[in-house]
Amino acid sequence: MPINYLEVRSQVKEMGEVLRDAMSETQDQLLQVRELLVQYADQASRINQTVNVAREHRKSIRCALPFREALTTIHEEPDVEVPRMHLLAGDGSQIFPDRHDVIEFGLVNVGVIHMIQGDNTTPTVTRASRLLYPGLGGAAYEAISEDLVSFLRDVDERVMLGERLKQVRLDYAESHHGEMLPAMLFVDGPLELFGEPRNERRYRSEYERYFRSLEKIQQRQGSIAGYIDKPRSALLVRSLELMETAEDVLTEDHQEPPRMFPQVTDIGVFSDRLKPGQRTAVFQLASSGADDFKGFDPALRLFFFYINVGYYQRDGTPMNVFARVELPGWLADNDGLVALLHKILLQQCRALGTHPYPYLLHRAHEIAIVKHVEKDEVSRLITTELMSKGVATEMASQKALNKLISST
């Protein structure tokens, strides 16, 4: 039965009115935040002190800390030459468990692409798949939830990147008289991982596996960055809110200070000053997840900056495309590496023309994607194997069977 368009049209009209009013309110809030940005631009020590006080009483607060520069600092596209180096990108996809299927299972599929900057050789591609099922690894994997599958996908992406880096560096050195090239690695999404509860063994062991992989990347002359397309974060906005919060509210235990500008994002704040090709200052990420990184190894402190990977149209009008880039402490501490990352990201995004996005991440996604027909084939393989072992399987749910009949 088709959608009731008569009802939808009336709701769309209401939606337009609601969003028009919200946009006006957002603009008012945005102007206030931009004023605060300028007001506190050079007050790094005060911001750090205020944020630390607030987070002593509420660790769940997520915000930004100034690093080495004023909050309003903008960097032009760096005039640096990208040296010969390894470039790698990884992405993952998954099959989520479905209780309506004959067999309930999950699968993580990761793709990594590698190329050498300045080399005309064809990029190399690597894939790896990880099957998840009830009972895998003992009681820790008794339940396979969508959250767990997503978490393991993110871990596998990053760990596989580190493993692939080790191999490509060795292969290159063998054919180039022992020369070891530096490397830049990219993942789609933040370096910070979200998996709760972090103290459960299945999550804790995977976190540590990821942290050790990051350490090895650093040891192998590698740098890694997480690319977040169309970011909605308000990390700097949250810090500015805290600066305007009364001290007694900041120090109230177990009560997070209320939001003052809930409709404003960091990109909204910078959208009037961040032009195509430019990036902001580097900020340190303050969050419970970032605390885990720093606690494991201070070199893994998490930082980020915003970048405009857009372009100017023929009439000179800017086509703004914003992204947030996360990076580890050892990269953020090196101004030369940050400039190199800035340059490489712009080059990668320009390769896709009017839809700027890092080319290698786009290719990694194509490599990793799992198609419906592939899920069906995995399900068939599992069913056949279990039957051969005499393991009883359930029927698909009646809901699933009726859907199958309806689609034929």
Protein backbone atom coordinates (compact mmCIF):
# COMPACT_ATOMS: atom_id res chain seq x y z
CA MET A 1 0.00 0.00 0.00
CA PRO A 2 1.47 3.39 -0.96
CA ILE A 3 2.29 6.18 1.47
CA ASN A 4 -0.63 8.36 2.55
CA TYR A 5 0.64 11.44 0.73
CA LEU A 6 -2.29 13.57 1.90
CA GLU A 7 -1.17 13.15 5.51
CA VAL A 8 2.50 13.52 4.64
CA ARG A 9 1.95 16.79 2.75
CA SER A 10 0.30 18.41 5.76
CA GLN A 11 3.14 17.22 8.01
CA VAL A 12 5.75 18.52 5.56
CA LYS A 13 4.09 21.94 5.70
CA GLU A 14 4.24 21.85 9.51
CA MET A 15 7.87 20.74 9.33
CA GLY A 16 8.77 23.74 7.19
CA GLU A 17 7.25 26.14 9.70
CA VAL A 18 9.00 24.48 12.66
CA LEU A 19 12.40 24.47 10.96
CA ARG A 20 12.00 28.09 9.79
CA ASP A 21 11.45 29.21 13.38
CA ALA A 22 14.32 27.01 14.61
CA MET A 23 16.66 28.48 11.99
CA SER A 24 15.96 31.98 13.24
CA GLU A 25 16.72 30.90 16.82
CA THR A 26 19.89 29.14 15.68
CA GLN A 27 21.14 32.30 13.99
CA ASP A 28 20.69 34.26 17.21
CA GLN A 29 22.64 31.63 19.16
CA LEU A 30 25.31 31.48 16.47
CA LEU A 31 26.02 35.20 16.71
CA GLN A 32 26.46 34.87 20.48
CA VAL A 33 28.89 31.96 20.15
CA ARG A 34 30.97 33.77 17.53
CA GLU A 35 31.32 36.68 19.92
CA LEU A 36 32.48 34.29 22.67
CA LEU A 37 34.99 32.72 20.28
CA VAL A 38 36.67 36.09 19.79
CA GLN A 39 36.35 36.99 23.48
CA TYR A 40 38.14 33.84 24.66
CA ALA A 41 40.43 33.39 21.65
CA ASP A 42 43.67 33.93 23.61
CA GLN A 43 42.57 32.63 27.01
CA ALA A 44 43.83 29.05 26.73
CA SER A 45 44.85 28.70 30.39
CA ARG A 46 41.45 29.88 31.64
CA ILE A 47 39.61 27.53 29.29
CA ASN A 48 41.77 24.57 30.30
CA GLN A 49 41.25 25.31 33.97
CA THR A 50 37.48 25.68 33.61
CA VAL A 51 37.09 22.52 31.55
CA ASN A 52 39.24 20.51 33.96
CA VAL A 53 37.17 21.69 36.93
CA ALA A 54 33.93 20.74 35.16
CA ARG A 55 35.24 17.33 34.13
CA GLU A 56 36.42 16.53 37.63
CA HIS A 57 32.76 16.47 38.59
CA ARG A 58 31.36 15.03 35.36
CA LYS A 59 33.65 12.89 33.19
CA SER A 60 31.01 12.48 30.50
CA ILE A 61 31.48 16.08 29.31
CA ARG A 62 32.85 16.15 25.75
CA CYS A 63 34.57 19.35 24.65
CA ALA A 64 37.68 20.91 23.14
CA LEU A 65 40.82 22.27 24.77
CA PRO A 66 43.09 24.87 23.15
CA PHE A 67 46.46 23.44 22.17
CA ARG A 68 49.16 25.79 20.90
CA GLU A 69 47.25 28.52 19.11
CA ALA A 70 44.43 31.01 19.52
CA LEU A 71 40.94 29.63 19.03
CA THR A 72 40.45 31.83 15.97
CA THR A 73 43.63 30.72 14.14
CA ILE A 74 43.12 29.77 10.50
CA HIS A 75 45.79 28.01 8.40
CA GLU A 76 46.03 28.42 4.64
CA GLU A 77 46.79 25.44 2.42
CA PRO A 78 50.45 24.67 3.22
CA ASP A 79 53.07 25.25 0.55
CA VAL A 80 54.77 21.88 1.07
CA GLU A 81 55.73 19.12 -1.30
CA VAL A 82 54.36 15.70 -0.42
CA PRO A 83 57.33 13.32 -0.30
CA ARG A 84 57.43 9.78 -1.57
CA MET A 85 55.51 7.85 1.07
CA HIS A 86 53.03 5.08 1.73
CA LEU A 87 49.36 6.11 1.74
CA LEU A 88 46.83 3.65 3.14
CA ALA A 89 43.11 3.84 3.86
CA GLY A 90 40.78 1.36 5.50
CA ASP A 91 37.03 1.03 5.78
CA GLY A 92 34.65 -1.66 6.92
CA SER A 93 31.12 -2.90 6.51
CA GLN A 94 29.13 -5.51 8.32
CA ILE A 95 26.28 -7.98 8.45
CA PHE A 96 24.19 -7.42 11.54
CA PRO A 97 22.63 -10.44 13.26
CA ASP A 98 18.95 -10.90 12.50
CA ARG A 99 16.90 -13.07 14.84
CA HIS A 100 14.41 -13.71 12.04
CA ASP A 101 17.02 -15.58 9.96
CA VAL A 102 17.59 -19.33 10.04
CA ILE A 103 20.99 -18.71 11.61
CA GLU A 104 21.77 -15.66 13.72
CA PHE A 105 25.27 -14.43 12.87
CA GLY A 106 27.26 -11.29 12.26
CA LEU A 107 30.16 -10.53 9.97
CA VAL A 108 32.74 -7.78 9.72
CA ASN A 109 34.37 -7.11 6.36
CA VAL A 110 37.37 -4.76 6.11
CA GLY A 111 39.05 -3.39 3.01
CA VAL A 112 42.44 -1.66 2.90
CA ILE A 113 43.93 0.09 -0.12
CA HIS A 114 47.60 1.04 -0.43
CA MET A 115 49.44 3.30 -2.83
CA ILE A 116 52.82 5.01 -2.90
CA GLN A 117 52.70 8.77 -3.29
CA GLY A 118 54.54 9.78 -6.44
CA ASP A 119 54.52 6.24 -7.85
CA ASN A 120 52.55 5.27 -10.95
CA THR A 121 52.08 1.65 -9.90
CA THR A 122 48.55 0.32 -9.41
CA PRO A 123 47.24 0.54 -5.84
CA THR A 124 47.04 -2.79 -3.99
CA VAL A 125 43.90 -4.01 -2.26
CA THR A 126 43.49 -6.28 0.77
CA ARG A 127 40.31 -7.67 2.33
CA ALA A 128 39.62 -9.55 5.55
CA SER A 129 36.38 -11.00 6.92
CA ARG A 130 35.51 -11.95 10.49
CA LEU A 131 32.51 -14.17 11.27
CA LEU A 132 30.74 -13.58 14.58
CA TYR A 133 28.33 -16.08 16.11
CA PRO A 134 26.91 -17.03 19.54
CA GLY A 135 29.50 -18.79 21.67
CA LEU A 136 32.52 -17.37 19.82
CA GLY A 137 35.32 -16.85 22.30
CA GLY A 138 33.36 -18.35 25.19
CA ALA A 139 30.83 -16.55 27.34
CA ALA A 140 32.21 -13.13 26.33
CA TYR A 141 30.64 -13.51 22.88
CA GLU A 142 27.51 -15.29 23.95
CA ALA A 143 25.39 -12.43 22.62
CA ILE A 144 26.13 -10.80 19.27
CA SER A 145 24.53 -7.36 19.29
CA GLU A 146 24.58 -4.69 16.59
CA ASP A 147 26.64 -2.46 18.90
CA LEU A 148 29.26 -5.17 19.31
CA VAL A 149 29.44 -5.82 15.56
CA SER A 150 29.92 -2.09 14.87
CA PHE A 151 32.58 -1.82 17.56
CA LEU A 152 34.54 -4.83 16.26
CA ARG A 153 34.30 -3.47 12.71
CA ASP A 154 35.91 -0.20 13.83
CA VAL A 155 38.66 -2.03 15.72
CA ASP A 156 39.38 -4.39 12.82
CA GLU A 157 39.63 -1.48 10.36
CA ARG A 158 42.32 0.20 12.41
CA VAL A 159 44.23 -2.92 13.39
CA MET A 160 44.29 -4.20 9.82
CA LEU A 161 45.67 -0.85 8.65
CA GLY A 162 48.58 -1.25 11.07
CA GLU A 163 49.23 -4.83 9.97
CA ARG A 164 49.11 -3.86 6.32
CA LEU A 165 51.55 -0.99 6.95
CA LYS A 166 54.08 -3.43 8.38
CA GLN A 167 53.88 -5.62 5.28
CA VAL A 168 54.04 -2.88 2.62
CA ARG A 169 57.03 -1.24 4.30
CA LEU A 170 58.90 -4.55 4.33
CA ASP A 171 57.96 -5.32 0.71
CA TYR A 172 59.11 -1.88 -0.42
CA ALA A 173 62.37 -2.09 1.54
CA GLU A 174 63.21 -5.48 -0.01
CA SER A 175 62.91 -4.06 -3.52
CA HIS A 176 64.56 -0.69 -2.77
CA HIS A 177 67.77 -1.59 -0.98
CA GLY A 178 66.34 -1.35 2.52
CA GLU A 179 64.72 2.08 2.12
CA MET A 180 61.93 2.64 4.67
CA LEU A 181 59.33 5.21 3.61
CA PRO A 182 57.12 7.13 6.05
CA ALA A 183 53.38 6.54 5.86
CA MET A 184 50.04 8.28 6.30
CA LEU A 185 46.98 6.18 7.16
CA PHE A 186 43.30 7.14 7.02
CA VAL A 187 40.11 5.72 8.51
CA ASP A 188 36.54 6.78 7.90
CA GLY A 189 35.27 8.15 11.20
CA PRO A 190 36.90 9.16 14.48
CA LEU A 191 39.93 7.56 16.08
CA GLU A 192 38.00 7.57 19.33
CA LEU A 193 35.90 4.41 19.57
CA PHE A 194 32.49 4.07 21.14
CA GLY A 195 31.74 0.77 22.82
CA GLU A 196 29.97 0.35 26.13
CA PRO A 197 30.51 -0.76 28.77
CA ARG A 198 34.26 -0.31 28.42
CA ASN A 199 35.03 -2.42 31.48
CA GLU A 200 33.54 -5.59 30.02
CA ARG A 201 36.22 -8.07 29.01
CA ARG A 202 35.13 -8.32 25.37
CA TYR A 203 35.40 -4.55 24.93
CA ARG A 204 38.45 -4.01 27.12
CA SER A 205 40.56 -6.58 25.27
CA GLU A 206 39.60 -5.09 21.90
CA TYR A 207 40.43 -1.57 23.10
CA GLU A 208 43.88 -2.72 24.17
CA ARG A 209 44.36 -4.50 20.85
CA TYR A 210 43.55 -1.22 19.09
CA PHE A 211 45.83 0.86 21.33
CA ARG A 212 48.76 -1.49 20.73
CA SER A 213 48.13 -1.25 17.00
CA LEU A 214 48.39 2.55 17.20
CA GLU A 215 51.68 2.25 19.06
CA LYS A 216 53.05 -0.01 16.32
CA ILE A 217 51.94 2.45 13.63
CA GLN A 218 53.97 5.17 15.34
CA GLN A 219 56.99 2.85 15.66
CA ARG A 220 56.79 2.13 11.91
CA GLN A 221 57.07 5.82 10.93
CA GLY A 222 53.35 6.00 10.34
CA SER A 223 50.77 8.68 11.07
CA ILE A 224 47.05 7.99 11.27
CA ALA A 225 44.03 10.25 10.98
CA GLY A 226 40.29 9.78 11.24
CA TYR A 227 38.17 11.66 8.69
CA ILE A 228 34.64 12.67 9.73
CA ASP A 229 32.57 13.90 6.80
CA LYS A 230 29.79 16.45 7.50
CA PRO A 231 30.58 16.76 11.23
CA ARG A 232 27.88 17.74 13.70
CA SER A 233 30.10 18.04 16.76
CA ALA A 234 29.93 21.01 19.13
CA LEU A 235 33.14 20.40 21.07
CA LEU A 236 34.44 23.94 21.01
CA VAL A 237 30.94 25.33 21.52
CA ARG A 238 30.66 23.19 24.66
CA SER A 239 33.90 24.65 26.03
CA LEU A 240 32.63 28.18 25.43
CA GLU A 241 29.40 27.29 27.20
CA LEU A 242 31.38 26.11 30.22
CA MET A 243 33.24 29.43 30.27
CA GLU A 244 29.87 31.17 30.68
CA THR A 245 28.61 28.78 33.37
CA ALA A 246 28.52 29.78 37.03
CA GLU A 247 31.18 28.09 39.20
CA ASP A 248 28.65 26.49 41.55
CA VAL A 249 27.00 24.80 38.57
CA LEU A 250 30.36 23.63 37.20
CA THR A 251 31.23 21.93 40.48
CA GLU A 252 27.88 20.24 41.05
CA ASP A 253 28.62 16.51 41.29
CA HIS A 254 26.92 14.12 38.87
CA GLN A 255 25.08 16.93 37.15
CA GLU A 256 26.27 18.05 33.74
CA PRO A 257 26.02 21.81 33.20
CA PRO A 258 23.05 22.66 30.93
CA ARG A 259 23.54 23.52 27.29
CA MET A 260 23.26 27.19 26.38
CA PHE A 261 23.53 26.91 22.60
CA PRO A 262 22.17 23.44 21.77
CA GLN A 263 21.51 24.24 18.12
CA VAL A 264 25.00 25.52 17.29
CA THR A 265 27.79 23.31 15.93
CA ASP A 266 31.50 24.04 15.63
CA ILE A 267 31.20 24.11 11.85
CA GLY A 268 28.47 26.70 12.14
CA VAL A 269 30.82 28.86 14.21
CA PHE A 270 33.68 28.58 11.69
CA SER A 271 31.59 28.62 8.51
CA ASP A 272 32.02 32.38 8.05
CA ARG A 273 35.82 32.33 8.35
CA LEU A 274 36.99 28.90 7.09
CA LYS A 275 37.47 29.16 3.31
CA PRO A 276 38.15 26.31 0.84
CA GLY A 277 41.59 24.86 1.43
CA GLN A 278 41.91 26.22 4.96
CA ARG A 279 41.90 24.49 8.35
CA THR A 280 41.45 25.63 11.93
CA ALA A 281 43.91 25.39 14.78
CA VAL A 282 44.46 21.98 16.34
CA PHE A 283 42.39 21.32 19.48
CA GLN A 284 42.73 18.60 22.09
CA LEU A 285 39.72 16.34 22.59
CA ALA A 286 38.49 16.09 26.18
CA SER A 287 36.19 13.09 26.70
CA SER A 288 36.01 9.82 28.60
CA GLY A 289 37.07 8.01 25.43
CA ALA A 290 40.07 10.29 24.96
CA ASP A 291 40.98 9.69 28.61
CA ASP A 292 41.30 5.98 27.81
CA PHE A 293 43.75 6.72 25.00
CA LYS A 294 45.85 9.05 27.16
CA GLY A 295 45.79 6.61 30.06
CA PHE A 296 47.15 3.83 27.89
CA ASP A 297 49.95 5.97 26.41
CA PRO A 298 50.37 9.78 26.56
CA ALA A 299 51.45 9.73 22.90
CA LEU A 300 47.89 8.60 22.07
CA ARG A 301 46.23 11.77 23.32
CA LEU A 302 43.50 12.68 20.83
CA PHE A 303 43.39 15.95 18.89
CA PHE A 304 41.35 17.30 16.00
CA PHE A 305 40.94 20.17 13.57
CA TYR A 306 38.28 21.30 11.13
CA ILE A 307 39.06 21.65 7.44
CA ASN A 308 37.26 23.02 4.40
CA VAL A 309 37.97 20.62 1.52
CA GLY A 310 35.61 22.49 -0.80
CA TYR A 311 36.46 24.55 -3.85
CA TYR A 312 35.70 27.79 -5.67
CA GLN A 313 33.20 27.65 -8.50
CA ARG A 314 33.87 29.34 -11.82
CA ASP A 315 32.14 32.52 -10.70
CA GLY A 316 34.33 32.65 -7.59
CA THR A 317 31.60 31.47 -5.22
CA PRO A 318 32.94 29.09 -2.58
CA MET A 319 31.45 25.60 -2.43
CA ASN A 320 32.13 24.77 1.21
CA VAL A 321 32.62 21.16 2.28
CA PHE A 322 33.63 20.78 5.91
CA ALA A 323 35.19 17.84 7.72
CA ARG A 324 36.64 17.11 11.14
CA VAL A 325 39.98 15.30 11.30
CA GLU A 326 41.11 13.40 14.40
CA LEU A 327 44.79 12.71 14.99
CA PRO A 328 46.92 11.19 17.76
CA GLY A 329 49.27 13.15 19.99
CA TRP A 330 52.49 12.15 18.25
CA LEU A 331 51.16 13.65 15.01
CA ALA A 332 49.65 16.76 16.62
CA ASP A 333 52.97 17.49 18.35
CA ASN A 334 54.72 17.73 14.97
CA ASP A 335 53.77 20.87 13.04
CA GLY A 336 55.43 19.53 9.90
CA LEU A 337 53.32 16.36 9.96
CA VAL A 338 50.13 18.35 10.57
CA ALA A 339 50.93 20.52 7.52
CA LEU A 340 51.63 17.38 5.48
CA LEU A 341 48.32 15.84 6.57
CA HIS A 342 46.54 19.07 5.61
CA LYS A 343 48.11 19.00 2.13
CA ILE A 344 47.46 15.29 1.51
CA LEU A 345 43.80 15.59 2.50
CA LEU A 346 43.25 18.43 0.03
CA GLN A 347 44.97 16.46 -2.74
CA GLN A 348 42.93 13.35 -1.98
CA CYS A 349 39.64 15.26 -1.90
CA ARG A 350 40.35 17.10 -5.14
CA ALA A 351 40.76 13.77 -6.90
CA LEU A 352 36.97 13.32 -6.69
CA GLY A 353 36.20 16.67 -8.30
CA THR A 354 32.93 18.31 -7.32
CA HIS A 355 32.22 15.78 -4.56
CA PRO A 356 35.28 16.30 -2.32
CA TYR A 357 36.10 13.29 -0.17
CA PRO A 358 39.41 11.45 0.28
CA TYR A 359 39.86 9.28 -2.81
CA LEU A 360 41.50 6.41 -0.94
CA LEU A 361 38.72 6.28 1.66
CA HIS A 362 36.18 6.19 -1.15
CA ARG A 363 38.01 3.24 -2.71
CA ALA A 364 38.33 1.48 0.65
CA HIS A 365 34.57 1.72 1.08
CA GLU A 366 33.99 0.17 -2.34
CA ILE A 367 36.34 -2.69 -1.41
CA ALA A 368 34.73 -3.37 1.96
CA ILE A 369 31.02 -3.14 1.15
CA VAL A 370 29.02 -6.35 1.73
CA LYS A 371 26.19 -6.98 -0.73
CA HIS A 372 22.89 -8.71 0.02
CA VAL A 373 23.76 -11.62 -2.25
CA GLU A 374 26.98 -12.14 -0.28
CA LYS A 375 25.06 -12.29 2.99
CA ASP A 376 22.77 -14.92 1.47
CA GLU A 377 25.81 -16.95 0.38
CA VAL A 378 27.37 -16.80 3.86
CA SER A 379 24.07 -17.90 5.37
CA ARG A 380 23.93 -20.83 2.93
CA LEU A 381 27.49 -21.86 3.78
CA ILE A 382 26.70 -21.80 7.50
CA THR A 383 23.49 -23.78 7.10
CA THR A 384 25.23 -26.43 4.97
CA GLU A 385 28.10 -26.78 7.44
CA LEU A 386 25.84 -27.08 10.47
CA MET A 387 23.73 -29.72 8.75
CA SER A 388 26.87 -31.72 7.94
CA LYS A 389 27.83 -31.61 11.64
CA GLY A 390 24.38 -32.65 12.78
CA VAL A 391 23.70 -29.29 14.43
CA ALA A 392 20.00 -28.54 14.52
CA THR A 393 18.92 -25.21 13.05
CA GLU A 394 15.70 -23.32 13.48
CA MET A 395 13.38 -22.24 10.72
CA ALA A 396 13.38 -18.63 9.67
CA SER A 397 10.70 -16.65 11.49
CA GLN A 398 7.23 -16.62 9.98
CA LYS A 399 7.64 -12.88 9.49
CA ALA A 400 10.75 -13.47 7.35
CA LEU A 401 9.10 -16.25 5.38
CA ASN A 402 6.05 -14.10 4.62
CA LYS A 403 8.32 -11.27 3.49
CA LEU A 404 10.09 -13.68 1.14
CA ILE A 405 6.78 -14.84 -0.31
CA SER A 406 5.59 -11.23 -0.78
CA SER A 407 8.76 -10.29 -2.68
CA THR A 408 8.46 -13.13 -5.20
